[in-house]
Protein backbone atom coordinates (compact mmCIF):
# COMPACT_ATOMS: atom_id res chain seq x y z
CA MET A 1 0.10 0.06 -0.06
CA ALA A 2 1.53 3.71 -0.77
CA LYS A 3 2.36 5.82 1.84
CA PRO A 4 0.10 8.85 2.15
CA VAL A 5 1.94 12.05 1.02
CA VAL A 6 2.81 14.99 2.61
CA VAL A 7 3.85 18.63 1.36
CA VAL A 8 6.13 20.44 3.74
CA THR A 9 6.98 23.86 3.21
CA GLY A 10 10.40 25.21 4.88
CA VAL A 11 11.49 22.20 5.00
CA ALA A 12 15.19 23.17 5.31
CA GLY A 13 14.48 25.07 8.56
CA ASN A 14 15.18 23.83 12.21
CA LEU A 15 11.56 22.33 12.80
CA GLY A 16 11.68 20.81 9.32
CA SER A 17 15.07 18.97 9.77
CA ARG A 18 13.41 17.80 13.31
CA LEU A 19 10.44 16.55 11.77
CA LEU A 20 11.66 14.89 8.69
CA PRO A 21 13.07 11.71 10.99
CA LEU A 22 9.60 11.14 12.22
CA LEU A 23 7.55 11.28 8.93
CA GLY A 24 8.61 7.41 8.05
CA ASN A 25 5.30 6.64 7.41
CA PHE A 26 4.89 9.28 4.74
CA THR A 27 6.08 10.34 1.13
CA VAL A 28 7.68 13.28 1.84
CA ILE A 29 7.80 16.37 -0.71
CA GLY A 30 10.10 19.00 0.75
CA VAL A 31 9.64 22.45 -0.65
CA ASP A 32 12.05 25.11 0.30
CA VAL A 33 14.58 27.90 -1.42
CA ALA A 34 17.46 25.52 -0.95
CA PRO A 35 17.47 21.61 -0.14
CA PRO A 36 17.64 20.35 3.66
CA ARG A 37 20.85 18.76 4.93
CA THR A 38 19.47 14.89 5.33
CA GLU A 39 19.97 11.57 4.02
CA LEU A 40 16.19 10.77 4.69
CA PRO A 41 14.21 9.93 1.47
CA LEU A 42 12.04 12.86 0.09
CA GLN A 43 11.54 14.55 -3.12
CA PHE A 44 12.52 18.35 -2.93
CA GLU A 45 11.32 21.14 -5.03
CA ARG A 46 13.07 24.74 -5.25
CA MET A 47 10.65 27.15 -4.92
CA ASP A 48 10.52 30.52 -3.03
CA LEU A 49 7.13 31.45 -1.93
CA GLY A 50 7.86 34.97 -1.71
CA GLU A 51 7.45 34.98 -5.50
CA GLU A 52 3.96 35.54 -6.98
CA SER A 53 4.78 32.52 -9.22
CA SER A 54 5.14 30.31 -6.62
CA THR A 55 1.19 29.69 -6.17
CA ARG A 56 0.87 28.37 -9.92
CA ALA A 57 3.81 26.16 -9.11
CA LEU A 58 2.58 24.85 -5.95
CA TYR A 59 -1.09 24.20 -7.20
CA GLU A 60 0.80 21.81 -10.13
CA LEU A 61 2.59 20.05 -7.40
CA LEU A 62 -0.60 19.37 -5.18
CA ARG A 63 -2.54 18.49 -8.61
CA ASP A 64 0.17 16.08 -9.61
CA THR A 65 1.06 14.38 -6.12
CA HIS A 66 -2.42 14.29 -4.65
CA PRO A 67 -0.86 15.15 -0.82
CA PHE A 68 -2.82 14.05 2.29
CA ALA A 69 -1.50 16.93 4.05
CA VAL A 70 0.29 20.21 3.85
CA ILE A 71 2.64 21.44 6.69
CA HIS A 72 3.46 25.19 6.23
CA LEU A 73 6.78 25.98 7.96
CA ALA A 74 8.10 28.27 5.52
CA PHE A 75 8.81 31.88 7.35
CA VAL A 76 11.32 34.11 7.84
CA ILE A 77 12.04 34.23 12.12
CA ASP A 78 15.75 35.70 12.23
CA PRO A 79 16.40 38.09 9.51
CA VAL A 80 20.13 37.84 10.16
CA ARG A 81 20.35 34.27 9.86
CA THR A 82 18.40 34.02 6.99
CA GLY A 83 19.82 37.16 5.21
CA VAL A 84 16.37 38.75 4.37
CA LEU A 85 16.92 41.94 6.12
CA ASP A 86 14.32 43.86 3.96
CA VAL A 87 10.77 44.17 5.86
CA GLU A 88 8.91 44.14 2.46
CA ARG A 89 10.59 40.90 1.37
CA MET A 90 9.86 39.27 4.60
CA TRP A 91 6.14 40.01 4.25
CA GLN A 92 6.30 38.78 0.98
CA ILE A 93 7.43 35.50 2.24
CA ASN A 94 5.80 35.23 5.76
CA VAL A 95 2.07 36.71 5.08
CA ALA A 96 1.58 36.91 1.27
CA GLY A 97 3.56 33.07 0.74
CA THR A 98 0.97 31.76 3.66
CA ALA A 99 -2.11 33.27 1.49
CA ARG A 100 -0.17 31.81 -1.83
CA VAL A 101 -0.19 28.51 -0.51
CA MET A 102 -3.95 28.69 0.55
CA GLU A 103 -4.62 29.64 -2.60
CA ALA A 104 -3.06 26.61 -4.34
CA ILE A 105 -4.86 24.36 -2.03
CA THR A 106 -8.29 25.91 -2.71
CA GLU A 107 -7.49 25.59 -6.17
CA ALA A 108 -6.30 22.13 -6.02
CA ASN A 109 -9.45 20.88 -4.01
CA ARG A 110 -11.35 22.85 -6.22
CA MET A 111 -10.45 20.50 -9.39
CA ALA A 112 -10.03 16.96 -7.24
CA GLU A 113 -12.12 14.92 -5.11
CA ASP A 114 -9.00 13.74 -3.25
CA GLY A 115 -7.66 16.93 -2.29
CA VAL A 116 -5.89 18.07 0.89
CA LYS A 117 -7.26 16.58 3.74
CA GLN A 118 -5.15 18.88 6.68
CA PHE A 119 -3.31 22.01 6.49
CA ILE A 120 -1.14 22.89 9.50
CA PHE A 121 0.04 26.20 10.19
CA PRO A 122 2.60 27.00 12.76
CA SER A 123 1.61 30.72 14.26
CA SER A 124 3.39 32.00 17.39
CA VAL A 125 2.60 33.42 20.73
CA SER A 126 4.06 36.45 19.75
CA ALA A 127 0.95 37.31 17.55
CA TYR A 128 -0.82 37.91 20.90
CA GLY A 129 1.60 40.94 21.64
CA PRO A 130 4.23 41.13 24.22
CA ASN A 131 2.53 42.29 27.67
CA LEU A 132 -0.82 40.66 28.44
CA PRO A 133 -2.73 40.92 31.43
CA ALA A 134 -3.60 37.27 31.70
CA PRO A 135 -2.37 33.74 30.16
CA ALA A 136 -3.77 34.00 26.54
CA THR A 137 -6.41 31.58 25.51
CA GLU A 138 -6.89 30.55 21.95
CA ASP A 139 -10.04 33.19 21.57
CA SER A 140 -7.86 36.21 23.06
CA PRO A 141 -7.26 39.21 20.71
CA LEU A 142 -3.95 39.02 18.75
CA ASP A 143 -2.22 42.36 19.42
CA ALA A 144 1.14 41.93 17.92
CA HIS A 145 3.15 45.06 17.17
CA THR A 146 6.74 46.39 16.44
CA LEU A 147 8.24 43.55 15.98
CA PRO A 148 7.98 42.23 12.03
CA TYR A 149 8.44 39.00 13.00
CA ALA A 150 5.36 39.21 15.11
CA ILE A 151 3.55 41.27 13.05
CA HIS A 152 3.69 38.71 10.05
CA LYS A 153 2.79 35.82 12.62
CA LYS A 154 -0.53 37.80 13.24
CA GLN A 155 -1.20 38.65 9.75
CA SER A 156 -0.60 35.28 8.60
CA ASP A 157 -2.62 33.49 11.74
CA GLU A 158 -5.51 35.95 10.15
CA VAL A 159 -5.12 35.34 6.77
CA VAL A 160 -5.39 31.37 7.49
CA GLN A 161 -8.52 32.12 9.87
CA GLN A 162 -10.07 33.92 7.00
CA ARG A 163 -9.54 31.49 4.08
CA SER A 164 -10.05 28.38 5.91
CA PRO A 165 -13.54 28.03 4.97
CA ALA A 166 -12.41 27.99 1.07
CA LEU A 167 -9.87 24.97 1.52
CA ARG A 168 -13.15 22.62 0.49
CA GLY A 169 -12.88 19.23 2.69
CA CYS A 170 -9.65 20.41 4.31
CA SER A 171 -9.46 20.31 8.09
CA VAL A 172 -6.90 23.52 9.16
CA TYR A 173 -4.73 23.59 12.46
CA ILE A 174 -3.49 26.49 13.57
CA LEU A 175 -0.35 25.88 16.06
CA ARG A 176 0.62 28.97 18.50
CA PRO A 177 3.72 27.51 20.04
CA HIS A 178 5.63 29.58 22.73
CA ILE A 179 9.50 30.37 21.90
CA PHE A 180 10.98 26.95 20.49
CA ALA A 181 14.21 25.51 22.84
CA GLY A 182 16.03 22.74 22.40
CA ALA A 183 20.16 22.08 21.84
CA SER A 184 19.63 22.62 17.95
CA VAL A 185 17.76 25.53 18.05
CA GLN A 186 18.86 28.95 17.05
CA ASN A 187 17.10 31.87 17.13
CA TYR A 188 17.38 35.65 18.52
CA LEU A 189 15.24 35.04 21.40
CA MET A 190 16.98 32.23 22.68
CA GLY A 191 20.25 34.10 21.88
CA CYS A 192 19.47 36.83 24.12
CA PHE A 193 20.03 33.92 26.87
CA HIS A 194 23.12 32.31 24.87
CA GLY A 195 24.77 35.51 24.23
CA THR A 196 26.37 34.34 21.36
CA PRO A 197 27.50 37.65 18.81
CA ASN A 198 25.65 36.13 16.14
CA GLY A 199 26.21 39.17 14.01
CA LYS A 200 27.66 39.01 10.44
CA SER A 201 30.65 41.62 10.88
CA GLU A 202 34.53 40.44 11.04
CA ARG A 203 34.25 41.38 14.47
CA ALA A 204 31.09 39.40 15.85
CA LYS A 205 33.49 36.32 14.25
CA LYS A 206 36.17 37.22 16.46
CA MET A 207 34.49 37.29 19.14
CA ARG A 208 32.76 34.10 18.85
CA GLU A 209 36.00 32.36 18.14
CA ALA A 210 37.19 33.72 21.47
CA GLY A 211 34.12 32.43 23.00
CA LYS A 212 33.11 35.73 24.21
CA ARG A 213 29.16 36.35 25.46
CA LEU A 214 27.02 39.12 25.28
CA PRO A 215 25.40 40.08 28.65
CA VAL A 216 21.51 40.35 28.83
CA ILE A 217 20.68 43.62 28.75
CA LEU A 218 17.42 44.65 31.26
CA PRO A 219 16.19 48.14 32.35
CA ARG A 220 16.22 48.37 36.18
CA GLY A 221 13.21 47.20 38.06
CA HIS A 222 12.15 43.95 39.49
CA GLN A 223 9.33 43.30 37.07
CA TYR A 224 11.76 42.74 34.42
CA LEU A 225 13.22 39.74 35.94
CA ASP A 226 9.96 38.42 37.50
CA ASN A 227 8.23 38.48 33.86
CA LYS A 228 7.35 34.77 33.39
CA ILE A 229 8.02 33.20 30.06
CA GLN A 230 7.38 29.76 28.37
CA PHE A 231 9.18 27.22 25.88
CA ILE A 232 8.45 24.66 23.76
CA HIS A 233 11.04 21.81 22.88
CA VAL A 234 10.92 21.74 19.11
CA ASP A 235 10.82 17.59 19.11
CA ASP A 236 7.43 18.01 21.10
CA MET A 237 6.26 20.62 18.25
CA ALA A 238 7.19 17.98 15.93
CA ARG A 239 5.83 15.41 17.66
CA LEU A 240 2.71 17.15 17.84
CA ILE A 241 2.38 17.70 13.93
CA VAL A 242 3.02 14.24 13.41
CA HIS A 243 0.08 13.52 16.22
CA ILE A 244 -2.09 15.54 13.87
CA LEU A 245 -1.26 13.69 10.78
CA ARG A 246 -1.97 10.39 12.16
CA ARG A 247 -5.54 11.62 13.63
CA GLU A 248 -8.70 11.39 11.70
CA PRO A 249 -9.20 15.11 10.20
CA GLU A 250 -11.51 17.07 12.69
CA THR A 251 -15.03 17.42 11.40
CA GLN A 252 -14.79 21.33 12.16
CA ARG A 253 -12.68 23.37 9.82
CA LEU A 254 -10.40 25.05 11.85
CA THR A 255 -8.92 24.00 15.15
CA VAL A 256 -6.39 26.52 17.12
CA LEU A 257 -4.35 25.35 19.87
CA ASN A 258 -1.77 27.30 22.05
CA VAL A 259 1.41 25.39 22.53
CA GLY A 260 3.83 24.94 25.17
CA GLY A 261 5.51 22.99 27.57
CA ARG A 262 4.59 21.12 30.64
CA GLY A 263 4.62 22.75 34.19
CA GLU A 264 5.00 26.03 35.17
CA PRO A 265 6.57 29.08 33.53
CA LEU A 266 10.15 30.50 33.96
CA THR A 267 10.82 33.62 35.21
CA PHE A 268 13.38 35.82 32.98
CA GLY A 269 15.58 35.94 36.19
CA ARG A 270 15.70 32.10 36.64
CA CYS A 271 16.48 32.16 32.63
CA ILE A 272 19.28 34.20 33.20
CA GLN A 273 20.72 31.74 36.17
CA MET A 274 19.85 28.68 34.19
CA ALA A 275 21.95 30.38 31.05
CA GLN A 276 24.59 31.44 33.59
CA ALA A 277 24.48 34.70 31.33
CA LYS A 278 25.86 38.08 32.71
CA LEU A 279 23.07 40.44 33.40
CA ILE A 280 23.68 44.22 32.85
CA ARG A 281 20.92 46.61 34.24
CA VAL A 282 20.45 50.17 32.19
CA PRO A 283 18.31 53.04 33.34
CA GLY A 284 15.45 52.35 31.35
CA LYS A 285 13.79 51.17 27.93
CA TRP A 286 15.53 53.81 26.08
CA THR A 287 18.97 53.25 26.77
CA MET A 288 18.35 49.16 26.29
CA ARG A 289 17.34 50.26 23.10
CA GLN A 290 20.57 52.67 21.89
CA ILE A 291 22.55 49.09 22.97
CA LEU A 292 20.58 46.78 20.72
CA LYS A 293 20.69 49.50 17.96
CA PHE A 294 24.41 49.62 18.63
CA GLY A 295 24.76 45.93 18.18
CA TRP A 296 22.51 45.64 15.25
CA LYS A 297 23.82 48.44 13.14
CA TRP A 298 27.36 47.15 13.78
CA LYS A 299 26.26 43.52 13.04
CA ILE A 300 27.61 42.37 16.18
CA SER A 301 24.12 41.25 17.66
CA ALA A 302 21.48 39.35 15.84
CA ILE A 303 18.96 40.81 18.32
CA PRO A 304 16.79 43.50 16.25
CA PRO A 305 15.93 46.61 18.44
CA GLU A 306 12.32 45.79 17.72
CA ALA A 307 12.28 42.78 20.16
CA ILE A 308 12.32 45.08 22.98
CA PRO A 309 8.57 44.57 23.89
CA TYR A 310 8.94 40.82 23.65
CA MET A 311 12.28 41.06 25.99
CA THR A 312 10.71 43.39 28.74
CA GLY A 313 7.09 42.27 28.79
CA GLU A 314 5.31 39.06 29.82
CA TYR A 315 3.30 36.93 27.52
CA ILE A 316 2.14 33.70 28.52
CA MET A 317 -0.68 31.28 27.31
CA ASN A 318 -3.19 28.80 28.75
CA THR A 319 -2.75 25.25 26.94
CA ASP A 320 -5.87 23.52 28.40
CA ARG A 321 -7.29 22.87 25.03
CA LEU A 322 -4.04 21.25 24.16
CA ARG A 323 -4.06 19.06 26.65
CA LYS A 324 -7.67 17.92 26.05
CA PHE A 325 -7.02 17.43 22.57
CA LEU A 326 -4.10 14.98 22.94
CA GLY A 327 -6.13 13.38 26.12
CA PRO A 328 -4.39 10.33 27.21
CA GLU A 329 -1.29 10.97 24.57
CA TYR A 330 -0.50 14.65 26.00
CA GLU A 331 2.62 13.46 28.20
CA ASP A 332 4.05 11.20 25.50
CA VAL A 333 3.53 13.90 22.49
CA ILE A 334 4.61 17.07 25.35
CA ARG A 335 7.80 15.16 26.91
CA TYR A 336 9.39 18.22 27.87
CA THR A 337 8.59 20.75 30.58
CA VAL A 338 9.55 24.35 29.97
CA SER A 339 11.92 24.12 32.32
CA ASP A 340 13.74 20.90 30.39
CA ALA A 341 13.36 22.29 27.45
CA PHE A 342 15.10 25.50 28.16
CA ALA A 343 17.71 23.61 30.08
CA GLU A 344 18.37 21.46 26.92
CA SER A 345 19.08 24.58 24.91
CA PHE A 346 22.39 24.95 26.74
CA LYS A 347 23.65 21.24 25.98
CA PRO A 348 25.73 20.41 22.87
CA ALA A 349 23.64 19.99 19.89
CA ALA A 350 25.29 16.50 18.99
CA ALA A 351 23.67 15.38 22.28
CA THR A 352 20.24 15.35 20.73
CA THR A 353 20.28 14.15 17.05
CA ALA A 354 17.12 14.07 15.06
CA GLN A 355 17.89 10.24 15.06
CA GLU A 356 17.40 10.18 18.66
CA VAL A 357 14.10 11.90 18.64
CA ALA A 358 13.29 9.18 16.03
CA ALA A 359 14.40 6.23 18.06
CA GLY A 360 12.47 8.15 21.06
């Protein structure tokens, strides 16, 4: 019996690379601007979702391969690491690209009876905004601002919600994870605690070679250390996606799930202790912004100054719906607590390989 086909956009990203070893029961078609570094079997299709022509190309791929599911992971998170520094170009990939994927699915399902049955889109906690009065539920308003990545997640989330009814016969899943953690994860929010000079300058390169760490910069005041934060291990996120693939498609058209690790959130202060990072307090947010602007301008740091609200605010989520959705399989899918996921981010990447995830 032939394996069901799944299409994974952004397959070369970190989540894509952690997901691939778990897709042994599926025929995988990977879509990205560059192939993933893997020896696992897959069909790779080079495609730039930031280009208008990708809509037609993706539609033809869906028409010809009849996938059961589309997992849309393609998204610019870290502009320095991806080299996509132009905000308009980011928007074309992130927001317009999401709309193009949904348009291709809509057309493919209109033309075929055996169309796409599942569409899975990882949104983000950042879509809720950086300073929440209470833990966000899935019905909380999306109020992202300032940071382009967060704004694009909000807008893409809204695109998926608005267009999901048009995906005939397709169950749509919006997953809103908190910050990814784990030994393989590299993003600028985790980089804040790692302190790695991830800029592209020669100075940053020399600092990395010398093993130097940048300090955590926060304004004075206990509230900034007491702010709570959640994490989700990237491998738990991959397991959740596979769990959804193995379920029968939902009778309802749209399922929205907040995704975080098990257990209680951490405080920023506790994260700094666990990371053994150096903390420098400054008079206020204006001074903090000037320091981040300096590091960004001179390509020493990969943390954009616009991230300040997300570094000084509290935004945690209620994940009761996820627990109910997974039922007795909750702890088998979400294996890491918030604390353990964060702690593993400071272990060597070789300690948790994708093969170990598959074996686990």
